[in-house]
């Protein structure tokens, strides 16, 4: 099962197409159209296509999860600035989380 966001789930083996939502349609929990075998209309997912692919086990999507987080952060900043409700502390917390995902783990200490 793959989580699509907002309580929506789908069987990974039934998903046959993903389409990222762009422009004015994107936002408010709309990130990706997901086509599922046996369902006439695509489901609107609150997660990006890369994140869904990652959850489906696609190795090529694994490296781009950080990029998705960074793009989501940039989208939130842009929206907050436009609305005049820019929260620097929230921005700092989110940026720190994105950076932590890119940090290399420390090397284990060599005994010999």
Protein backbone atom coordinates (compact mmCIF):
# COMPACT_ATOMS: atom_id res chain seq x y z
CA UNK A 1 0.00 0.00 0.00
CA UNK A 2 1.19 3.49 -0.85
CA UNK A 3 0.09 6.52 1.13
CA UNK A 4 -1.15 9.30 -1.18
CA UNK A 5 -1.87 11.86 1.53
CA UNK A 6 -4.98 13.00 3.40
CA UNK A 7 -6.03 9.46 4.33
CA UNK A 8 -5.84 8.13 0.76
CA UNK A 9 -4.07 4.85 0.06
CA UNK A 10 -3.58 2.77 -3.09
CA UNK A 11 -2.07 -0.58 -3.88
CA UNK A 12 1.32 -0.03 -5.48
CA UNK A 13 0.74 -2.76 -8.06
CA UNK A 14 -2.46 -1.00 -9.25
CA UNK A 15 -0.90 2.44 -9.86
CA UNK A 16 -0.09 2.80 -13.54
CA UNK A 17 0.53 6.54 -14.02
CA UNK A 18 1.58 9.61 -12.04
CA UNK A 19 1.31 13.19 -13.24
CA UNK A 20 2.77 16.10 -11.30
CA UNK A 21 0.36 19.01 -10.92
CA UNK A 22 1.88 22.36 -11.84
CA UNK A 23 0.90 26.00 -12.01
CA UNK A 24 -2.24 27.39 -10.42
CA UNK A 25 -3.75 23.91 -9.98
CA UNK A 26 -1.01 22.94 -7.52
CA UNK A 27 -1.42 23.68 -3.82
CA UNK A 28 -3.90 23.03 -1.07
CA UNK A 29 -3.03 19.34 -0.92
CA UNK A 30 -2.88 18.86 -4.69
CA UNK A 31 0.54 17.65 -5.78
CA UNK A 32 0.03 14.66 -8.11
CA UNK A 33 -2.67 12.97 -10.18
CA UNK A 34 -2.54 9.22 -9.60
CA UNK A 35 -4.15 6.81 -12.06
CA UNK A 36 -5.15 3.51 -10.51
CA UNK A 37 -6.30 0.43 -12.39
CA UNK A 38 -10.06 0.04 -11.97
CA UNK A 39 -10.68 3.67 -10.97
CA UNK A 40 -12.15 5.84 -13.75
CA UNK A 41 -10.78 9.24 -12.67
CA UNK A 42 -7.32 10.03 -11.29
CA UNK A 43 -7.00 10.55 -7.57
CA UNK A 44 -5.50 13.84 -6.38
CA UNK A 45 -2.62 13.03 -4.07
CA UNK A 46 -1.19 15.38 -1.48
CA UNK A 47 2.31 13.97 -2.07
CA UNK A 48 4.73 14.49 -4.93
CA UNK A 49 5.23 11.90 -7.65
CA UNK A 50 8.83 11.34 -6.53
CA UNK A 51 7.74 10.58 -2.98
CA UNK A 52 5.08 8.19 -4.22
CA UNK A 53 7.64 6.48 -6.49
CA UNK A 54 10.03 6.23 -3.56
CA UNK A 55 7.33 4.54 -1.46
CA UNK A 56 6.70 2.17 -4.38
CA UNK A 57 10.37 1.12 -4.22
CA UNK A 58 11.76 3.03 -7.17
CA UNK A 59 15.45 3.54 -6.40
CA UNK A 60 15.87 6.47 -8.78
CA UNK A 61 13.29 8.44 -6.81
CA UNK A 62 15.07 7.95 -3.48
CA UNK A 63 17.69 10.62 -4.08
CA UNK A 64 15.11 13.21 -5.07
CA UNK A 65 13.09 13.16 -1.84
CA UNK A 66 15.35 15.90 -0.48
CA UNK A 67 14.74 17.91 -3.65
CA UNK A 68 10.99 17.53 -3.13
CA UNK A 69 11.35 18.81 0.43
CA UNK A 70 13.42 21.76 -0.75
CA UNK A 71 10.90 22.62 -3.46
CA UNK A 72 8.05 22.35 -0.97
CA UNK A 73 9.94 24.68 1.38
CA UNK A 74 10.49 27.18 -1.44
CA UNK A 75 6.78 27.04 -2.32
CA UNK A 76 5.80 27.69 1.31
CA UNK A 77 8.21 30.63 1.58
CA UNK A 78 6.89 32.18 -1.62
CA UNK A 79 3.29 31.79 -0.48
CA UNK A 80 4.04 33.19 2.99
CA UNK A 81 5.81 36.22 1.53
CA UNK A 82 2.90 36.86 -0.84
CA UNK A 83 0.43 36.66 2.05
CA UNK A 84 2.59 38.83 4.30
CA UNK A 85 2.80 36.14 6.98
CA UNK A 86 6.47 35.20 6.74
CA UNK A 87 7.60 33.21 9.82
CA UNK A 88 11.39 33.14 10.00
CA UNK A 89 11.48 30.57 12.83
CA UNK A 90 9.29 28.16 10.89
CA UNK A 91 11.49 28.66 7.82
CA UNK A 92 14.56 27.91 9.93
CA UNK A 93 13.08 24.70 11.32
CA UNK A 94 12.06 23.45 7.89
CA UNK A 95 15.39 24.37 6.30
CA UNK A 96 17.24 22.60 9.11
CA UNK A 97 15.22 19.40 8.45
CA UNK A 98 16.07 19.52 4.75
CA UNK A 99 19.75 20.03 5.51
CA UNK A 100 19.79 17.19 8.04
CA UNK A 101 18.61 14.81 5.33
CA UNK A 102 21.64 15.70 3.21
CA UNK A 103 24.22 15.39 6.00
CA UNK A 104 26.55 12.43 5.75
CA UNK A 105 26.58 10.11 8.74
CA UNK A 106 29.73 10.31 10.82
CA UNK A 107 32.39 7.72 10.10
CA UNK A 108 32.63 4.98 12.71
CA UNK A 109 35.81 5.10 14.75
CA UNK A 110 38.44 2.65 13.50
CA UNK A 111 39.67 0.32 16.24
CA UNK A 112 42.62 -1.11 14.29
